[in-house]
Amino acid sequence: MKLTLKRIHTNFYRYNVALFFTLCYPVLYVLRQKLSRYKYINQIRRLIIFLSSSISGIFYSATFEEPIDRHKVYVVCGNHTSNLDVSAISTVLKNNLCFMGKEELLSNYVLGYFFRTIDITVNRESKMSSFRAFKAAADHLKNGASVVIFPEATIPKEYPPELHPFKNGPFRLAIEMKIPILPITSLDTWKVLWDDGKQLGSRPGICDIFVHKPIETAHLTLDDADALRDEVFEIINKKLRSA
């Protein structure tokens, strides 16, 4: 019975996301025509997240290790345990954000729109696709948008989820572009909705996010990419263990 109710809640949440996206679509359709308007697409995304999450009883709480400059550009790296991680990061950072995700998301009714406009898709089985994705990410950074990359490259299939080894891509990108890395730890979004919710459903609750202090990369070279990757992994893993 409990699992049935949780699956009903997941469908209710998805319905609300689709509903508010549909209501906002006429404005989003107009905004997609010009790159200079992409920051407004981010604002509407946050509005859709706020409305659909609030009605579903899902809220986001952030703790900042230190205040961050919201006008500064970052390569944002976080652990990935839930489809709510995107909503959580969008809500707590409020920056002009671009997410990198798997190309299968293009077929999603809601996410497909954002991945055809402000976000970036990648086929992780294709080196050429990865090259194009990171080139697009570099262009977004140059145009003033922070790029969010989940360096595990997937949501872990264990439950409770464990932190998987990080890929090098986001750290090489940050070093090449001389952009600070902003680590983010998603502490318990998986307790509200694990993965996509198809197996265990979801429930109302508060998703706690910890935003670590930025790590400067201006003094680093590409030879430091592995060390930077390991440093960020340890920062996030340590926070998860302490929680």
C-alpha atoms as a PDB file:
ATOM      1  CA  MET A   1       0.000   0.000   0.000  1.00  0.00           C
ATOM      2  CA  LYS A   2       2.818   2.402   0.912  1.00  0.00           C
ATOM      3  CA  LEU A   3       4.605   1.740  -2.405  1.00  0.00           C
ATOM      4  CA  THR A   4       1.340   2.298  -4.293  1.00  0.00           C
ATOM      5  CA  LEU A   5       0.876   5.684  -2.634  1.00  0.00           C
ATOM      6  CA  LYS A   6       4.466   6.648  -3.442  1.00  0.00           C
ATOM      7  CA  ARG A   7       3.967   5.747  -7.097  1.00  0.00           C
ATOM      8  CA  ILE A   8       0.759   7.788  -7.160  1.00  0.00           C
ATOM      9  CA  HIS A   9       2.749  10.708  -5.759  1.00  0.00           C
ATOM     10  CA  THR A  10       5.364  10.326  -8.522  1.00  0.00           C
ATOM     11  CA  ASN A  11       2.675  10.449 -11.199  1.00  0.00           C
ATOM     12  CA  PHE A  12       1.078  13.459  -9.486  1.00  0.00           C
ATOM     13  CA  TYR A  13       4.438  15.259  -9.465  1.00  0.00           C
ATOM     14  CA  ARG A  14       5.073  14.456 -13.141  1.00  0.00           C
ATOM     15  CA  TYR A  15       1.584  15.626 -14.063  1.00  0.00           C
ATOM     16  CA  ASN A  16       2.239  18.968 -12.378  1.00  0.00           C
ATOM     17  CA  VAL A  17       5.567  19.396 -14.158  1.00  0.00           C
ATOM     18  CA  ALA A  18       3.906  18.720 -17.520  1.00  0.00           C
ATOM     19  CA  LEU A  19       0.953  20.984 -16.672  1.00  0.00           C
ATOM     20  CA  PHE A  20       2.999  24.037 -15.736  1.00  0.00           C
ATOM     21  CA  PHE A  21       5.393  23.491 -18.646  1.00  0.00           C
ATOM     22  CA  THR A  22       2.417  23.446 -21.033  1.00  0.00           C
ATOM     23  CA  LEU A  23       1.029  26.650 -19.527  1.00  0.00           C
ATOM     24  CA  CYS A  24       4.415  28.355 -19.915  1.00  0.00           C
ATOM     25  CA  TYR A  25       5.158  26.962 -23.366  1.00  0.00           C
ATOM     26  CA  PRO A  26       3.865  29.925 -25.444  1.00  0.00           C
ATOM     27  CA  VAL A  27       6.339  32.212 -23.678  1.00  0.00           C
ATOM     28  CA  LEU A  28       9.116  29.630 -23.887  1.00  0.00           C
ATOM     29  CA  TYR A  29       8.497  29.228 -27.615  1.00  0.00           C
ATOM     30  CA  VAL A  30       9.070  32.930 -28.178  1.00  0.00           C
ATOM     31  CA  LEU A  31      12.143  33.058 -25.927  1.00  0.00           C
ATOM     32  CA  ARG A  32      13.927  30.217 -27.723  1.00  0.00           C
ATOM     33  CA  GLN A  33      14.382  32.365 -30.816  1.00  0.00           C
ATOM     34  CA  LYS A  34      17.252  34.448 -29.385  1.00  0.00           C
ATOM     35  CA  LEU A  35      20.338  33.398 -27.413  1.00  0.00           C
ATOM     36  CA  SER A  36      20.242  36.677 -25.454  1.00  0.00           C
ATOM     37  CA  ARG A  37      16.914  35.591 -23.931  1.00  0.00           C
ATOM     38  CA  TYR A  38      18.157  32.273 -22.573  1.00  0.00           C
ATOM     39  CA  LYS A  39      18.503  33.664 -19.047  1.00  0.00           C
ATOM     40  CA  TYR A  40      14.741  34.182 -19.070  1.00  0.00           C
ATOM     41  CA  ILE A  41      14.253  30.524 -20.022  1.00  0.00           C
ATOM     42  CA  ASN A  42      16.209  29.669 -16.871  1.00  0.00           C
ATOM     43  CA  GLN A  43      13.899  31.903 -14.851  1.00  0.00           C
ATOM     44  CA  ILE A  44      10.812  30.193 -16.257  1.00  0.00           C
ATOM     45  CA  ARG A  45      12.381  26.792 -15.600  1.00  0.00           C
ATOM     46  CA  ARG A  46      12.759  27.786 -11.945  1.00  0.00           C
ATOM     47  CA  LEU A  47       9.122  28.936 -11.911  1.00  0.00           C
ATOM     48  CA  ILE A  48       7.951  25.565 -13.288  1.00  0.00           C
ATOM     49  CA  ILE A  49      10.102  23.779 -10.700  1.00  0.00           C
ATOM     50  CA  PHE A  50       8.766  25.909  -7.860  1.00  0.00           C
ATOM     51  CA  LEU A  51       5.097  25.455  -8.792  1.00  0.00           C
ATOM     52  CA  SER A  52       5.207  21.737  -9.599  1.00  0.00           C
ATOM     53  CA  SER A  53       7.389  20.869  -6.595  1.00  0.00           C
ATOM     54  CA  SER A  54       5.463  22.979  -4.089  1.00  0.00           C
ATOM     55  CA  ILE A  55       2.096  21.531  -5.074  1.00  0.00           C
ATOM     56  CA  SER A  56       3.643  18.061  -4.727  1.00  0.00           C
ATOM     57  CA  GLY A  57       5.029  18.881  -1.276  1.00  0.00           C
ATOM     58  CA  ILE A  58       8.672  18.857  -2.419  1.00  0.00           C
ATOM     59  CA  PHE A  59      10.935  21.678  -1.247  1.00  0.00           C
ATOM     60  CA  TYR A  60      14.619  22.527  -1.531  1.00  0.00           C
ATOM     61  CA  SER A  61      16.893  23.765   1.246  1.00  0.00           C
ATOM     62  CA  ALA A  62      20.474  24.954   0.705  1.00  0.00           C
ATOM     63  CA  THR A  63      23.411  25.482   3.032  1.00  0.00           C
ATOM     64  CA  PHE A  64      26.330  27.484   1.662  1.00  0.00           C
ATOM     65  CA  GLU A  65      29.842  26.933   2.982  1.00  0.00           C
ATOM     66  CA  GLU A  66      30.458  30.558   2.039  1.00  0.00           C
ATOM     67  CA  PRO A  67      28.491  33.112   0.010  1.00  0.00           C
ATOM     68  CA  ILE A  68      28.973  32.731  -3.735  1.00  0.00           C
ATOM     69  CA  ASP A  69      28.991  35.418  -6.391  1.00  0.00           C
ATOM     70  CA  ARG A  70      25.814  34.714  -8.366  1.00  0.00           C
ATOM     71  CA  HIS A  71      27.096  36.824 -11.259  1.00  0.00           C
ATOM     72  CA  LYS A  72      30.222  34.695 -11.613  1.00  0.00           C
ATOM     73  CA  VAL A  73      30.501  31.750 -13.989  1.00  0.00           C
ATOM     74  CA  TYR A  74      31.234  28.272 -12.581  1.00  0.00           C
ATOM     75  CA  VAL A  75      31.627  24.681 -13.660  1.00  0.00           C
ATOM     76  CA  VAL A  76      29.207  23.096 -11.192  1.00  0.00           C
ATOM     77  CA  CYS A  77      29.895  19.478 -10.182  1.00  0.00           C
ATOM     78  CA  GLY A  78      27.634  17.431  -7.936  1.00  0.00           C
ATOM     79  CA  ASN A  79      26.723  13.874  -7.067  1.00  0.00           C
ATOM     80  CA  HIS A  80      23.700  12.496  -8.892  1.00  0.00           C
ATOM     81  CA  THR A  81      21.103  10.345  -7.121  1.00  0.00           C
ATOM     82  CA  SER A  82      17.759  11.685  -8.330  1.00  0.00           C
ATOM     83  CA  ASN A  83      15.981  13.436 -11.170  1.00  0.00           C
ATOM     84  CA  LEU A  84      15.316  16.128  -8.564  1.00  0.00           C
ATOM     85  CA  ASP A  85      19.010  17.102  -8.549  1.00  0.00           C
ATOM     86  CA  VAL A  86      18.448  19.353 -11.564  1.00  0.00           C
ATOM     87  CA  SER A  87      15.505  21.027  -9.843  1.00  0.00           C
ATOM     88  CA  ALA A  88      17.457  21.426  -6.610  1.00  0.00           C
ATOM     89  CA  ILE A  89      20.494  23.022  -8.278  1.00  0.00           C
ATOM     90  CA  SER A  90      18.341  25.311 -10.425  1.00  0.00           C
ATOM     91  CA  THR A  91      16.440  26.436  -7.337  1.00  0.00           C
ATOM     92  CA  VAL A  92      19.300  27.032  -4.919  1.00  0.00           C
ATOM     93  CA  LEU A  93      21.842  28.619  -7.289  1.00  0.00           C
ATOM     94  CA  LYS A  94      19.532  30.888  -9.298  1.00  0.00           C
ATOM     95  CA  ASN A  95      22.365  31.464 -11.777  1.00  0.00           C
ATOM     96  CA  ASN A  96      22.043  31.365 -15.540  1.00  0.00           C
ATOM     97  CA  LEU A  97      22.596  27.593 -15.831  1.00  0.00           C
ATOM     98  CA  CYS A  98      23.226  25.070 -18.563  1.00  0.00           C
ATOM     99  CA  PHE A  99      22.966  21.349 -17.734  1.00  0.00           C
ATOM    100  CA  MET A 100      24.747  18.540 -19.549  1.00  0.00           C
ATOM    101  CA  GLY A 101      22.763  15.298 -19.819  1.00  0.00           C
ATOM    102  CA  LYS A 102      22.309  12.120 -21.820  1.00  0.00           C
ATOM    103  CA  GLU A 103      20.896  12.455 -25.311  1.00  0.00           C
ATOM    104  CA  GLU A 104      17.923  10.185 -24.541  1.00  0.00           C
ATOM    105  CA  LEU A 105      16.402  13.119 -22.620  1.00  0.00           C
ATOM    106  CA  LEU A 106      15.627  14.829 -25.931  1.00  0.00           C
ATOM    107  CA  SER A 107      12.542  12.621 -26.208  1.00  0.00           C
ATOM    108  CA  ASN A 108      11.186  13.770 -22.828  1.00  0.00           C
ATOM    109  CA  TYR A 109       8.160  16.074 -23.188  1.00  0.00           C
ATOM    110  CA  VAL A 110       9.494  18.715 -20.786  1.00  0.00           C
ATOM    111  CA  LEU A 111      13.252  18.182 -20.634  1.00  0.00           C
ATOM    112  CA  GLY A 112      13.473  17.875 -24.410  1.00  0.00           C
ATOM    113  CA  TYR A 113      12.631  21.562 -24.787  1.00  0.00           C
ATOM    114  CA  PHE A 114      15.422  22.655 -22.446  1.00  0.00           C
ATOM    115  CA  PHE A 115      17.968  20.325 -24.053  1.00  0.00           C
ATOM    116  CA  ARG A 116      17.115  21.765 -27.446  1.00  0.00           C
ATOM    117  CA  THR A 117      17.661  25.315 -26.185  1.00  0.00           C
ATOM    118  CA  ILE A 118      19.784  26.113 -23.128  1.00  0.00           C
ATOM    119  CA  ASP A 119      21.099  22.661 -22.143  1.00  0.00           C
ATOM    120  CA  ILE A 120      23.527  20.214 -23.790  1.00  0.00           C
ATOM    121  CA  THR A 121      23.026  16.546 -24.641  1.00  0.00           C
ATOM    122  CA  VAL A 122      25.811  14.004 -25.023  1.00  0.00           C
ATOM    123  CA  ASN A 123      26.007  10.422 -26.239  1.00  0.00           C
ATOM    124  CA  ARG A 124      28.543   9.033 -23.796  1.00  0.00           C
ATOM    125  CA  GLU A 125      29.279   6.095 -26.094  1.00  0.00           C
ATOM    126  CA  SER A 126      30.568   8.463 -28.778  1.00  0.00           C
ATOM    127  CA  LYS A 127      33.864  10.325 -28.443  1.00  0.00           C
ATOM    128  CA  MET A 128      32.790  12.762 -31.159  1.00  0.00           C
ATOM    129  CA  SER A 129      29.541  13.516 -29.312  1.00  0.00           C
ATOM    130  CA  SER A 130      31.489  14.113 -26.092  1.00  0.00           C
ATOM    131  CA  PHE A 131      33.878  16.431 -27.931  1.00  0.00           C
ATOM    132  CA  ARG A 132      30.985  18.447 -29.371  1.00  0.00           C
ATOM    133  CA  ALA A 133      29.243  18.571 -25.985  1.00  0.00           C
ATOM    134  CA  PHE A 134      32.280  19.964 -24.178  1.00  0.00           C
ATOM    135  CA  LYS A 135      32.897  22.441 -26.992  1.00  0.00           C
ATOM    136  CA  ALA A 136      29.299  23.623 -26.568  1.00  0.00           C
ATOM    137  CA  ALA A 137      29.871  23.827 -22.812  1.00  0.00           C
ATOM    138  CA  ALA A 138      32.927  26.040 -23.391  1.00  0.00           C
ATOM    139  CA  ASP A 139      30.797  28.323 -25.596  1.00  0.00           C
ATOM    140  CA  HIS A 140      28.150  28.595 -22.861  1.00  0.00           C
ATOM    141  CA  LEU A 141      30.821  29.520 -20.310  1.00  0.00           C
ATOM    142  CA  LYS A 142      32.169  32.214 -22.656  1.00  0.00           C
ATOM    143  CA  ASN A 143      28.628  33.585 -22.981  1.00  0.00           C
ATOM    144  CA  GLY A 144      28.215  33.870 -19.206  1.00  0.00           C
ATOM    145  CA  ALA A 145      26.279  30.690 -18.331  1.00  0.00           C
ATOM    146  CA  SER A 146      27.482  28.332 -15.617  1.00  0.00           C
ATOM    147  CA  VAL A 147      27.619  24.704 -16.759  1.00  0.00           C
ATOM    148  CA  VAL A 148      26.334  21.910 -14.517  1.00  0.00           C
ATOM    149  CA  ILE A 149      27.939  18.498 -15.096  1.00  0.00           C
ATOM    150  CA  PHE A 150      27.382  15.391 -12.988  1.00  0.00           C
ATOM    151  CA  PRO A 151      30.844  13.775 -13.142  1.00  0.00           C
ATOM    152  CA  GLU A 152      29.552  10.296 -12.237  1.00  0.00           C
ATOM    153  CA  ALA A 153      27.888  10.456 -15.689  1.00  0.00           C
ATOM    154  CA  THR A 154      24.901   8.439 -14.432  1.00  0.00           C
ATOM    155  CA  ILE A 155      22.618   7.870 -11.455  1.00  0.00           C
ATOM    156  CA  PRO A 156      23.979   4.914  -9.439  1.00  0.00           C
ATOM    157  CA  LYS A 157      21.744   1.858  -9.527  1.00  0.00           C
ATOM    158  CA  GLU A 158      22.443   0.810  -5.929  1.00  0.00           C
ATOM    159  CA  TYR A 159      19.929   1.715  -3.242  1.00  0.00           C
ATOM    160  CA  PRO A 160      20.880   3.558  -1.118  1.00  0.00           C
ATOM    161  CA  PRO A 161      23.073   5.161  -3.793  1.00  0.00           C
ATOM    162  CA  GLU A 162      26.847   5.248  -3.457  1.00  0.00           C
ATOM    163  CA  LEU A 163      29.202   7.807  -4.966  1.00  0.00           C
ATOM    164  CA  HIS A 164      30.774   6.473  -8.171  1.00  0.00           C
ATOM    165  CA  PRO A 165      34.195   7.462  -9.588  1.00  0.00           C
ATOM    166  CA  PHE A 166      34.248  10.795 -11.418  1.00  0.00           C
ATOM    167  CA  LYS A 167      35.010  11.331 -15.099  1.00  0.00           C
ATOM    168  CA  ASN A 168      37.718  13.842 -16.042  1.00  0.00           C
ATOM    169  CA  GLY A 169      35.742  15.968 -18.523  1.00  0.00           C
ATOM    170  CA  PRO A 170      34.389  18.752 -16.286  1.00  0.00           C
ATOM    171  CA  PHE A 171      37.718  19.241 -14.553  1.00  0.00           C
ATOM    172  CA  ARG A 172      39.672  19.533 -17.789  1.00  0.00           C
ATOM    173  CA  LEU A 173      37.034  21.978 -19.022  1.00  0.00           C
ATOM    174  CA  ALA A 174      37.339  24.130 -15.894  1.00  0.00           C
ATOM    175  CA  ILE A 175      41.128  24.220 -16.153  1.00  0.00           C
ATOM    176  CA  GLU A 176      41.143  25.001 -19.878  1.00  0.00           C
ATOM    177  CA  MET A 177      38.650  27.829 -19.403  1.00  0.00           C
ATOM    178  CA  LYS A 178      40.185  29.041 -16.103  1.00  0.00           C
ATOM    179  CA  ILE A 179      36.722  28.778 -14.515  1.00  0.00           C
ATOM    180  CA  PRO A 180      36.220  27.914 -10.813  1.00  0.00           C
ATOM    181  CA  ILE A 181      34.746  24.526  -9.908  1.00  0.00           C
ATOM    182  CA  LEU A 182      31.692  24.736  -7.631  1.00  0.00           C
ATOM    183  CA  PRO A 183      31.142  21.404  -5.817  1.00  0.00           C
ATOM    184  CA  ILE A 184      27.600  20.634  -4.671  1.00  0.00           C
ATOM    185  CA  THR A 185      26.516  17.745  -2.456  1.00  0.00           C
ATOM    186  CA  SER A 186      22.970  16.474  -2.808  1.00  0.00           C
ATOM    187  CA  LEU A 187      22.465  15.000   0.650  1.00  0.00           C
ATOM    188  CA  ASP A 188      19.057  13.345   0.544  1.00  0.00           C
ATOM    189  CA  THR A 189      17.154  14.007  -2.681  1.00  0.00           C
ATOM    190  CA  TRP A 190      17.210  10.228  -3.197  1.00  0.00           C
ATOM    191  CA  LYS A 191      15.079   9.813  -0.081  1.00  0.00           C
ATOM    192  CA  VAL A 192      12.360  11.941  -1.682  1.00  0.00           C
ATOM    193  CA  LEU A 193      12.713  10.527  -5.201  1.00  0.00           C
ATOM    194  CA  TRP A 194      15.395   7.999  -6.093  1.00  0.00           C
ATOM    195  CA  ASP A 195      16.483   7.920  -9.733  1.00  0.00           C
ATOM    196  CA  ASP A 196      13.341   8.596 -11.825  1.00  0.00           C
ATOM    197  CA  GLY A 197      10.904   7.249  -9.233  1.00  0.00           C
ATOM    198  CA  LYS A 198       9.681   4.366 -11.399  1.00  0.00           C
ATOM    199  CA  GLN A 199      10.792   1.675  -8.959  1.00  0.00           C
ATOM    200  CA  LEU A 200      10.200   3.155  -5.517  1.00  0.00           C
ATOM    201  CA  GLY A 201       8.001   6.153  -6.218  1.00  0.00           C
ATOM    202  CA  SER A 202       8.404   9.426  -4.339  1.00  0.00           C
ATOM    203  CA  ARG A 203       7.068  11.320  -1.352  1.00  0.00           C
ATOM    204  CA  PRO A 204       6.717  14.891  -0.084  1.00  0.00           C
ATOM    205  CA  GLY A 205       9.805  16.129   1.702  1.00  0.00           C
ATOM    206  CA  ILE A 206      12.711  18.552   1.852  1.00  0.00           C
ATOM    207  CA  CYS A 207      15.778  18.024  -0.342  1.00  0.00           C
ATOM    208  CA  ASP A 208      18.904  19.273   1.425  1.00  0.00           C
ATOM    209  CA  ILE A 209      21.740  20.630  -0.706  1.00  0.00           C
ATOM    210  CA  PHE A 210      25.190  21.694   0.486  1.00  0.00           C
ATOM    211  CA  VAL A 211      27.042  24.200  -1.705  1.00  0.00           C
ATOM    212  CA  HIS A 212      30.780  24.040  -1.066  1.00  0.00           C
ATOM    213  CA  LYS A 213      33.137  26.961  -1.554  1.00  0.00           C
ATOM    214  CA  PRO A 214      34.437  27.353  -5.135  1.00  0.00           C
ATOM    215  CA  ILE A 215      37.823  25.949  -6.126  1.00  0.00           C
ATOM    216  CA  GLU A 216      39.900  28.292  -8.278  1.00  0.00           C
ATOM    217  CA  THR A 217      41.569  26.793 -11.356  1.00  0.00           C
ATOM    218  CA  ALA A 218      43.406  29.798 -12.827  1.00  0.00           C
ATOM    219  CA  HIS A 219      46.748  28.529 -11.480  1.00  0.00           C
ATOM    220  CA  LEU A 220      46.260  24.940 -12.708  1.00  0.00           C
ATOM    221  CA  THR A 221      47.340  23.148 -15.887  1.00  0.00           C
ATOM    222  CA  LEU A 222      45.798  20.117 -17.579  1.00  0.00           C
ATOM    223  CA  ASP A 223      48.355  17.963 -15.755  1.00  0.00           C
ATOM    224  CA  ASP A 224      46.442  18.846 -12.576  1.00  0.00           C
ATOM    225  CA  ALA A 225      43.079  17.544 -13.867  1.00  0.00           C
ATOM    226  CA  ASP A 226      43.308  14.178 -12.087  1.00  0.00           C
ATOM    227  CA  ALA A 227      44.249  15.802  -8.781  1.00  0.00           C
ATOM    228  CA  LEU A 228      41.379  18.306  -9.118  1.00  0.00           C
ATOM    229  CA  ARG A 229      38.953  15.478  -9.901  1.00  0.00           C
ATOM    230  CA  ASP A 230      40.086  13.544  -6.815  1.00  0.00           C
ATOM    231  CA  GLU A 231      39.875  16.662  -4.640  1.00  0.00           C
ATOM    232  CA  VAL A 232      36.266  17.329  -5.627  1.00  0.00           C
ATOM    233  CA  PHE A 233      35.376  13.654  -5.189  1.00  0.00           C
ATOM    234  CA  GLU A 234      36.771  13.689  -1.645  1.00  0.00           C
ATOM    235  CA  ILE A 235      34.961  16.943  -0.775  1.00  0.00           C
ATOM    236  CA  ILE A 236      31.588  15.510  -1.820  1.00  0.00           C
ATOM    237  CA  ASN A 237      32.230  12.037  -0.431  1.00  0.00           C
ATOM    238  CA  LYS A 238      33.315  13.423   2.928  1.00  0.00           C
ATOM    239  CA  LYS A 239      30.117  15.484   3.154  1.00  0.00           C
ATOM    240  CA  LEU A 240      28.003  12.452   2.275  1.00  0.00           C
ATOM    241  CA  ARG A 241      29.712  10.335   4.923  1.00  0.00           C
ATOM    242  CA  SER A 242      29.255  13.008   7.581  1.00  0.00           C
ATOM    243  CA  ALA A 243      25.554  13.219   6.752  1.00  0.00           C
END
